[in-house]
Amino acid sequence: MKKGYIIEEINRILDFELEEGIFKLNPKQRARIFEAKEEYKAGKVLSENEANKQIQEWLTSFQATSSVQNVMVSINYTSSPLTAPTNPSPSPW
């Protein structure tokens, strides 16, 4: 009996997308859904190819920015001055 219950629970969890029910949305969520429907009606949509292209451009841009930041951080942590400053400024910390 325990195994049957476990299998039923697994099926219930896996089939959550098939469940019907009422979803309670807050006013902000309802407004956003209404806005999205209006955008769709107005033809403000992207094809799958265009959406993928924009995502790829964003990821490439993000990766390039991230790489530059990583290099800069790496330089800051790995470079050391050859000589210590003669009159170091006091630390603000």
C-alpha atoms as a PDB file:
ATOM      1  CA  MET A   1       0.000   0.000   0.000  1.00  0.00           C
ATOM      2  CA  LYS A   2       2.864   2.369   0.756  1.00  0.00           C
ATOM      3  CA  LYS A   3       4.395   1.839  -2.695  1.00  0.00           C
ATOM      4  CA  GLY A   4       1.082   2.615  -4.357  1.00  0.00           C
ATOM      5  CA  TYR A   5       0.819   5.857  -2.423  1.00  0.00           C
ATOM      6  CA  ILE A   6       4.352   6.860  -3.384  1.00  0.00           C
ATOM      7  CA  ILE A   7       3.685   6.160  -7.061  1.00  0.00           C
ATOM      8  CA  GLU A   8       0.465   8.202  -6.898  1.00  0.00           C
ATOM      9  CA  GLU A   9       2.317  11.108  -5.308  1.00  0.00           C
ATOM     10  CA  ILE A  10       5.072  10.976  -7.930  1.00  0.00           C
ATOM     11  CA  ASN A  11       2.465  10.985 -10.692  1.00  0.00           C
ATOM     12  CA  ARG A  12       0.647  13.876  -9.031  1.00  0.00           C
ATOM     13  CA  ILE A  13       3.851  15.910  -8.862  1.00  0.00           C
ATOM     14  CA  LEU A  14       4.835  15.101 -12.439  1.00  0.00           C
ATOM     15  CA  ASP A  15       1.357  15.877 -13.772  1.00  0.00           C
ATOM     16  CA  PHE A  16       1.062  19.267 -12.081  1.00  0.00           C
ATOM     17  CA  GLU A  17       0.990  20.954 -15.485  1.00  0.00           C
ATOM     18  CA  LEU A  18      -2.161  19.058 -16.391  1.00  0.00           C
ATOM     19  CA  GLU A  19      -4.009  20.107 -13.277  1.00  0.00           C
ATOM     20  CA  GLU A  20      -6.814  22.519 -13.743  1.00  0.00           C
ATOM     21  CA  GLY A  21      -7.638  25.042 -11.147  1.00  0.00           C
ATOM     22  CA  ILE A  22      -8.076  28.666 -10.338  1.00  0.00           C
ATOM     23  CA  PHE A  23      -4.951  30.741 -10.100  1.00  0.00           C
ATOM     24  CA  LYS A  24      -5.234  33.770  -7.867  1.00  0.00           C
ATOM     25  CA  LEU A  25      -3.358  36.717  -9.302  1.00  0.00           C
ATOM     26  CA  ASN A  26      -2.615  40.000  -7.650  1.00  0.00           C
ATOM     27  CA  PRO A  27      -3.556  43.255  -9.430  1.00  0.00           C
ATOM     28  CA  LYS A  28      -0.031  43.743 -10.772  1.00  0.00           C
ATOM     29  CA  GLN A  29      -0.021  40.260 -12.329  1.00  0.00           C
ATOM     30  CA  ARG A  30      -3.471  40.804 -13.878  1.00  0.00           C
ATOM     31  CA  ALA A  31      -2.345  44.144 -15.322  1.00  0.00           C
ATOM     32  CA  ARG A  32       0.744  42.556 -16.851  1.00  0.00           C
ATOM     33  CA  ILE A  33      -1.306  39.767 -18.432  1.00  0.00           C
ATOM     34  CA  PHE A  34      -3.728  42.332 -19.873  1.00  0.00           C
ATOM     35  CA  GLU A  35      -0.768  44.332 -21.205  1.00  0.00           C
ATOM     36  CA  ALA A  36       0.738  41.219 -22.801  1.00  0.00           C
ATOM     37  CA  LYS A  37      -2.573  40.384 -24.496  1.00  0.00           C
ATOM     38  CA  GLU A  38      -2.755  43.912 -25.896  1.00  0.00           C
ATOM     39  CA  GLU A  39       0.823  43.649 -27.182  1.00  0.00           C
ATOM     40  CA  TYR A  40      -0.067  40.370 -28.883  1.00  0.00           C
ATOM     41  CA  LYS A  41      -3.174  41.869 -30.495  1.00  0.00           C
ATOM     42  CA  ALA A  42      -1.073  44.798 -31.756  1.00  0.00           C
ATOM     43  CA  GLY A  43       1.400  42.393 -33.350  1.00  0.00           C
ATOM     44  CA  LYS A  44       4.214  43.254 -30.962  1.00  0.00           C
ATOM     45  CA  VAL A  45       5.611  39.742 -31.000  1.00  0.00           C
ATOM     46  CA  LEU A  46       8.859  38.113 -32.070  1.00  0.00           C
ATOM     47  CA  SER A  47       9.312  34.997 -34.117  1.00  0.00           C
ATOM     48  CA  GLU A  48      11.160  32.176 -32.426  1.00  0.00           C
ATOM     49  CA  ASN A  49      14.213  32.876 -34.603  1.00  0.00           C
ATOM     50  CA  GLU A  50      14.214  36.599 -33.772  1.00  0.00           C
ATOM     51  CA  ALA A  51      13.785  35.899 -30.056  1.00  0.00           C
ATOM     52  CA  ASN A  52      16.664  33.397 -30.135  1.00  0.00           C
ATOM     53  CA  LYS A  53      18.816  35.902 -32.030  1.00  0.00           C
ATOM     54  CA  GLN A  54      18.162  38.625 -29.449  1.00  0.00           C
ATOM     55  CA  ILE A  55      18.866  36.224 -26.591  1.00  0.00           C
ATOM     56  CA  GLN A  56      22.135  35.137 -28.224  1.00  0.00           C
ATOM     57  CA  GLU A  57      23.182  38.772 -28.723  1.00  0.00           C
ATOM     58  CA  TRP A  58      22.397  39.531 -25.084  1.00  0.00           C
ATOM     59  CA  LEU A  59      24.318  36.479 -23.859  1.00  0.00           C
ATOM     60  CA  THR A  60      27.306  37.349 -26.055  1.00  0.00           C
ATOM     61  CA  SER A  61      27.255  40.919 -24.756  1.00  0.00           C
ATOM     62  CA  PHE A  62      26.927  39.679 -21.180  1.00  0.00           C
ATOM     63  CA  GLN A  63      29.774  37.187 -21.604  1.00  0.00           C
ATOM     64  CA  ALA A  64      32.055  39.839 -23.120  1.00  0.00           C
ATOM     65  CA  THR A  65      31.301  42.291 -20.303  1.00  0.00           C
ATOM     66  CA  SER A  66      31.739  39.573 -17.721  1.00  0.00           C
ATOM     67  CA  SER A  67      35.082  38.517 -19.243  1.00  0.00           C
ATOM     68  CA  VAL A  68      36.397  42.091 -19.157  1.00  0.00           C
ATOM     69  CA  GLN A  69      35.311  42.462 -15.538  1.00  0.00           C
ATOM     70  CA  ASN A  70      36.965  39.154 -14.617  1.00  0.00           C
ATOM     71  CA  VAL A  71      40.229  40.241 -16.261  1.00  0.00           C
ATOM     72  CA  MET A  72      40.137  43.572 -14.429  1.00  0.00           C
ATOM     73  CA  VAL A  73      39.504  41.857 -11.096  1.00  0.00           C
ATOM     74  CA  SER A  74      42.266  39.375 -11.854  1.00  0.00           C
ATOM     75  CA  ILE A  75      44.714  42.197 -12.619  1.00  0.00           C
ATOM     76  CA  ASN A  76      43.807  44.017  -9.414  1.00  0.00           C
ATOM     77  CA  TYR A  77      44.392  40.947  -7.284  1.00  0.00           C
ATOM     78  CA  THR A  78      47.451  39.530  -8.993  1.00  0.00           C
ATOM     79  CA  SER A  79      49.478  42.636  -9.763  1.00  0.00           C
ATOM     80  CA  SER A  80      51.694  44.010  -7.055  1.00  0.00           C
ATOM     81  CA  PRO A  81      53.808  47.135  -7.130  1.00  0.00           C
ATOM     82  CA  LEU A  82      57.549  46.657  -7.443  1.00  0.00           C
ATOM     83  CA  THR A  83      58.179  49.223  -4.749  1.00  0.00           C
ATOM     84  CA  ALA A  84      55.993  50.350  -1.913  1.00  0.00           C
ATOM     85  CA  PRO A  85      54.781  53.945  -2.029  1.00  0.00           C
ATOM     86  CA  THR A  86      56.939  56.296  -0.003  1.00  0.00           C
ATOM     87  CA  ASN A  87      53.999  58.157   1.473  1.00  0.00           C
ATOM     88  CA  PRO A  88      50.944  55.901   1.386  1.00  0.00           C
ATOM     89  CA  SER A  89      47.599  57.583   1.796  1.00  0.00           C
ATOM     90  CA  PRO A  90      45.634  56.631   4.887  1.00  0.00           C
ATOM     91  CA  SER A  91      43.026  53.961   4.405  1.00  0.00           C
ATOM     92  CA  PRO A  92      39.434  55.185   4.447  1.00  0.00           C
ATOM     93  CA  TRP A  93      38.496  52.004   6.279  1.00  0.00           C
END
